[in-house]
């Protein structure tokens, strides 16, 4: 499910860069490395090519993320422990409302949601002047659009 939110075909996933994969909330460095290595395996590539040759569709429909959704185009980074929900649940809500999540803070990050004991992501957000939301502010933001 995590990968299907970001990649809509096997080819997109096959050519994904390690940095793109590891930036997805819920995909760690080891999983990202495993995916990249998986698609470097000639046996896997051969099998995928045979499946496509025989008519197996290896793509999904690109999700139409409406520009009208309240968080469309916004990137969130979650850090620290949230009391009201898991980070995966928070990520699901963000995606449902049109946003996306990343596991690392960058100049492209719009919001950092800081739970308890947030760590270095909070420091980086401050250095980059990224908007920081505490859990209550995040809940207020999403509850305006979704009952939680």
C-alpha atoms as a PDB file:
ATOM      1  CA  UNK A   1       0.000   0.000   0.000  1.00  0.00           C
ATOM      2  CA  UNK A   2       2.830   2.424   0.806  1.00  0.00           C
ATOM      3  CA  UNK A   3       4.461   1.899  -2.565  1.00  0.00           C
ATOM      4  CA  UNK A   4       1.204   2.038  -4.521  1.00  0.00           C
ATOM      5  CA  UNK A   5       0.613   5.595  -3.302  1.00  0.00           C
ATOM      6  CA  UNK A   6       3.834   6.726  -4.951  1.00  0.00           C
ATOM      7  CA  UNK A   7       4.354   4.385  -7.904  1.00  0.00           C
ATOM      8  CA  UNK A   8       1.608   3.505 -10.358  1.00  0.00           C
ATOM      9  CA  UNK A   9       3.406   0.902 -12.433  1.00  0.00           C
ATOM     10  CA  UNK A  10       6.109  -1.688 -12.091  1.00  0.00           C
ATOM     11  CA  UNK A  11       8.263   0.391 -14.452  1.00  0.00           C
ATOM     12  CA  UNK A  12       8.003   3.437 -12.183  1.00  0.00           C
ATOM     13  CA  UNK A  13       9.029   1.287  -9.229  1.00  0.00           C
ATOM     14  CA  UNK A  14      11.755  -0.449 -11.243  1.00  0.00           C
ATOM     15  CA  UNK A  15      13.419   2.881 -12.053  1.00  0.00           C
ATOM     16  CA  UNK A  16      12.861   4.472  -8.636  1.00  0.00           C
ATOM     17  CA  UNK A  17      15.964   5.858  -6.989  1.00  0.00           C
ATOM     18  CA  UNK A  18      17.071   4.798  -3.537  1.00  0.00           C
ATOM     19  CA  UNK A  19      16.627   8.389  -2.297  1.00  0.00           C
ATOM     20  CA  UNK A  20      13.014   8.509  -3.507  1.00  0.00           C
ATOM     21  CA  UNK A  21      12.176   5.178  -1.917  1.00  0.00           C
ATOM     22  CA  UNK A  22      13.835   5.880   1.424  1.00  0.00           C
ATOM     23  CA  UNK A  23      12.057   9.247   1.646  1.00  0.00           C
ATOM     24  CA  UNK A  24       8.653   7.529   1.785  1.00  0.00           C
ATOM     25  CA  UNK A  25       7.258   7.446   5.321  1.00  0.00           C
ATOM     26  CA  UNK A  26       7.221   3.814   6.421  1.00  0.00           C
ATOM     27  CA  UNK A  27       9.947   2.679   3.990  1.00  0.00           C
ATOM     28  CA  UNK A  28      13.308   2.516   5.681  1.00  0.00           C
ATOM     29  CA  UNK A  29      16.791   2.493   4.234  1.00  0.00           C
ATOM     30  CA  UNK A  30      17.057  -1.308   4.224  1.00  0.00           C
ATOM     31  CA  UNK A  31      13.730  -1.789   2.446  1.00  0.00           C
ATOM     32  CA  UNK A  32      14.632   0.889  -0.110  1.00  0.00           C
ATOM     33  CA  UNK A  33      17.961  -0.827  -0.741  1.00  0.00           C
ATOM     34  CA  UNK A  34      16.233  -4.213  -1.083  1.00  0.00           C
ATOM     35  CA  UNK A  35      13.790  -2.835  -3.662  1.00  0.00           C
ATOM     36  CA  UNK A  36      16.585  -1.270  -5.718  1.00  0.00           C
ATOM     37  CA  UNK A  37      18.591  -4.516  -5.590  1.00  0.00           C
ATOM     38  CA  UNK A  38      15.496  -6.580  -6.463  1.00  0.00           C
ATOM     39  CA  UNK A  39      15.080  -4.678  -9.722  1.00  0.00           C
ATOM     40  CA  UNK A  40      18.778  -5.061 -10.570  1.00  0.00           C
ATOM     41  CA  UNK A  41      18.359  -8.839 -10.669  1.00  0.00           C
ATOM     42  CA  UNK A  42      18.381  -9.984 -14.333  1.00  0.00           C
ATOM     43  CA  UNK A  43      16.098 -12.937 -13.516  1.00  0.00           C
ATOM     44  CA  UNK A  44      13.463 -10.572 -12.116  1.00  0.00           C
ATOM     45  CA  UNK A  45      13.737  -8.242 -15.117  1.00  0.00           C
ATOM     46  CA  UNK A  46      13.395 -11.218 -17.470  1.00  0.00           C
ATOM     47  CA  UNK A  47      10.339 -12.498 -15.627  1.00  0.00           C
ATOM     48  CA  UNK A  48       8.673  -9.062 -15.736  1.00  0.00           C
ATOM     49  CA  UNK A  49       9.381  -8.753 -19.459  1.00  0.00           C
ATOM     50  CA  UNK A  50       7.850 -12.205 -20.090  1.00  0.00           C
ATOM     51  CA  UNK A  51       4.762 -11.313 -18.070  1.00  0.00           C
ATOM     52  CA  UNK A  52       4.304  -8.116 -20.076  1.00  0.00           C
ATOM     53  CA  UNK A  53       4.882 -10.007 -23.334  1.00  0.00           C
ATOM     54  CA  UNK A  54       2.080 -12.411 -22.425  1.00  0.00           C
ATOM     55  CA  UNK A  55      -0.323  -9.592 -21.682  1.00  0.00           C
ATOM     56  CA  UNK A  56      -0.131  -9.251 -17.908  1.00  0.00           C
ATOM     57  CA  UNK A  57      -0.819  -5.624 -17.027  1.00  0.00           C
ATOM     58  CA  UNK A  58       1.863  -4.412 -14.645  1.00  0.00           C
ATOM     59  CA  UNK A  59       0.428  -1.014 -13.960  1.00  0.00           C
ATOM     60  CA  UNK A  60      -2.340   0.521 -11.972  1.00  0.00           C
ATOM     61  CA  UNK A  61      -4.476   3.512 -12.577  1.00  0.00           C
ATOM     62  CA  UNK A  62      -2.833   6.721 -11.569  1.00  0.00           C
ATOM     63  CA  UNK A  63      -4.773   8.151  -8.699  1.00  0.00           C
ATOM     64  CA  UNK A  64      -6.360  11.463  -9.556  1.00  0.00           C
ATOM     65  CA  UNK A  65      -5.243  13.674  -6.721  1.00  0.00           C
ATOM     66  CA  UNK A  66      -7.658  16.531  -7.041  1.00  0.00           C
ATOM     67  CA  UNK A  67      -6.254  19.985  -6.681  1.00  0.00           C
ATOM     68  CA  UNK A  68      -9.404  20.693  -4.694  1.00  0.00           C
ATOM     69  CA  UNK A  69      -8.364  18.449  -1.805  1.00  0.00           C
ATOM     70  CA  UNK A  70      -7.328  20.527   1.199  1.00  0.00           C
ATOM     71  CA  UNK A  71      -3.750  19.236   1.474  1.00  0.00           C
ATOM     72  CA  UNK A  72      -3.071  18.892  -2.273  1.00  0.00           C
ATOM     73  CA  UNK A  73       0.530  19.632  -3.109  1.00  0.00           C
ATOM     74  CA  UNK A  74       1.630  19.740   0.537  1.00  0.00           C
ATOM     75  CA  UNK A  75       4.426  17.560   1.877  1.00  0.00           C
ATOM     76  CA  UNK A  76       4.477  16.503   5.518  1.00  0.00           C
ATOM     77  CA  UNK A  77       7.181  14.907   7.633  1.00  0.00           C
ATOM     78  CA  UNK A  78       6.103  13.152  10.827  1.00  0.00           C
ATOM     79  CA  UNK A  79       8.534  12.936  13.718  1.00  0.00           C
ATOM     80  CA  UNK A  80       8.219  11.776  17.294  1.00  0.00           C
ATOM     81  CA  UNK A  81       5.409   9.749  18.836  1.00  0.00           C
ATOM     82  CA  UNK A  82       1.838  10.901  18.293  1.00  0.00           C
ATOM     83  CA  UNK A  83      -0.566  10.192  21.143  1.00  0.00           C
ATOM     84  CA  UNK A  84      -3.830  10.171  19.197  1.00  0.00           C
ATOM     85  CA  UNK A  85      -2.817   7.864  16.333  1.00  0.00           C
ATOM     86  CA  UNK A  86       0.089   6.028  14.787  1.00  0.00           C
ATOM     87  CA  UNK A  87       2.295   7.776  12.265  1.00  0.00           C
ATOM     88  CA  UNK A  88       1.010   5.378   9.602  1.00  0.00           C
ATOM     89  CA  UNK A  89      -2.584   6.420  10.404  1.00  0.00           C
ATOM     90  CA  UNK A  90      -1.579  10.092  10.266  1.00  0.00           C
ATOM     91  CA  UNK A  91       0.141   9.469   6.934  1.00  0.00           C
ATOM     92  CA  UNK A  92      -2.994   7.772   5.583  1.00  0.00           C
ATOM     93  CA  UNK A  93      -5.106  10.801   6.539  1.00  0.00           C
ATOM     94  CA  UNK A  94      -2.626  13.194   4.924  1.00  0.00           C
ATOM     95  CA  UNK A  95      -2.730  11.185   1.686  1.00  0.00           C
ATOM     96  CA  UNK A  96      -6.527  10.927   1.823  1.00  0.00           C
ATOM     97  CA  UNK A  97      -6.687  14.726   2.030  1.00  0.00           C
ATOM     98  CA  UNK A  98      -4.382  15.105  -0.979  1.00  0.00           C
ATOM     99  CA  UNK A  99      -1.000  15.562   0.703  1.00  0.00           C
ATOM    100  CA  UNK A 100       2.032  13.338   0.750  1.00  0.00           C
ATOM    101  CA  UNK A 101       4.509  12.290   3.396  1.00  0.00           C
ATOM    102  CA  UNK A 102       8.255  11.988   3.404  1.00  0.00           C
ATOM    103  CA  UNK A 103      10.623  10.515   5.944  1.00  0.00           C
ATOM    104  CA  UNK A 104      13.150  13.323   5.614  1.00  0.00           C
ATOM    105  CA  UNK A 105      12.967  17.106   5.918  1.00  0.00           C
ATOM    106  CA  UNK A 106      14.032  19.144   2.894  1.00  0.00           C
ATOM    107  CA  UNK A 107      13.402  22.527   1.322  1.00  0.00           C
ATOM    108  CA  UNK A 108      10.362  20.894  -0.318  1.00  0.00           C
ATOM    109  CA  UNK A 109       8.754  20.059   3.031  1.00  0.00           C
ATOM    110  CA  UNK A 110       5.715  22.184   3.866  1.00  0.00           C
ATOM    111  CA  UNK A 111       4.988  20.927   7.393  1.00  0.00           C
ATOM    112  CA  UNK A 112       6.721  18.929  10.088  1.00  0.00           C
ATOM    113  CA  UNK A 113       4.328  17.342  12.562  1.00  0.00           C
ATOM    114  CA  UNK A 114       6.213  16.998  15.836  1.00  0.00           C
ATOM    115  CA  UNK A 115       5.015  14.496  18.399  1.00  0.00           C
ATOM    116  CA  UNK A 116       6.749  13.600  21.647  1.00  0.00           C
ATOM    117  CA  UNK A 117      10.554  13.283  21.503  1.00  0.00           C
ATOM    118  CA  UNK A 118      10.828  14.439  17.879  1.00  0.00           C
ATOM    119  CA  UNK A 119      14.590  14.205  17.291  1.00  0.00           C
ATOM    120  CA  UNK A 120      16.796  15.688  14.579  1.00  0.00           C
ATOM    121  CA  UNK A 121      14.033  16.213  12.008  1.00  0.00           C
ATOM    122  CA  UNK A 122      12.696  19.031  14.169  1.00  0.00           C
ATOM    123  CA  UNK A 123      16.120  20.704  14.247  1.00  0.00           C
ATOM    124  CA  UNK A 124      16.432  20.466  10.481  1.00  0.00           C
ATOM    125  CA  UNK A 125      12.915  21.894  10.032  1.00  0.00           C
ATOM    126  CA  UNK A 126      13.877  24.890  12.154  1.00  0.00           C
ATOM    127  CA  UNK A 127      17.044  25.456  10.116  1.00  0.00           C
ATOM    128  CA  UNK A 128      15.034  25.356   6.882  1.00  0.00           C
ATOM    129  CA  UNK A 129      12.202  27.529   8.279  1.00  0.00           C
ATOM    130  CA  UNK A 130       9.641  24.781   7.689  1.00  0.00           C
ATOM    131  CA  UNK A 131       6.279  25.231   9.415  1.00  0.00           C
ATOM    132  CA  UNK A 132       6.185  23.048  12.537  1.00  0.00           C
ATOM    133  CA  UNK A 133       2.881  21.739  13.864  1.00  0.00           C
ATOM    134  CA  UNK A 134       2.499  20.111  17.247  1.00  0.00           C
ATOM    135  CA  UNK A 135       0.016  17.246  17.487  1.00  0.00           C
ATOM    136  CA  UNK A 136      -2.867  19.474  18.555  1.00  0.00           C
ATOM    137  CA  UNK A 137      -2.280  21.865  15.641  1.00  0.00           C
ATOM    138  CA  UNK A 138      -2.113  18.925  13.236  1.00  0.00           C
ATOM    139  CA  UNK A 139      -5.364  17.498  14.608  1.00  0.00           C
ATOM    140  CA  UNK A 140      -7.034  20.900  14.258  1.00  0.00           C
ATOM    141  CA  UNK A 141      -5.835  21.131  10.660  1.00  0.00           C
ATOM    142  CA  UNK A 142      -7.124  17.730   9.598  1.00  0.00           C
ATOM    143  CA  UNK A 143     -10.315  17.811  11.687  1.00  0.00           C
ATOM    144  CA  UNK A 144     -11.477  20.790   9.643  1.00  0.00           C
ATOM    145  CA  UNK A 145     -11.774  18.336   6.726  1.00  0.00           C
ATOM    146  CA  UNK A 146     -12.134  14.893   8.290  1.00  0.00           C
ATOM    147  CA  UNK A 147     -13.814  13.598  11.398  1.00  0.00           C
ATOM    148  CA  UNK A 148     -11.209  11.964  13.615  1.00  0.00           C
END
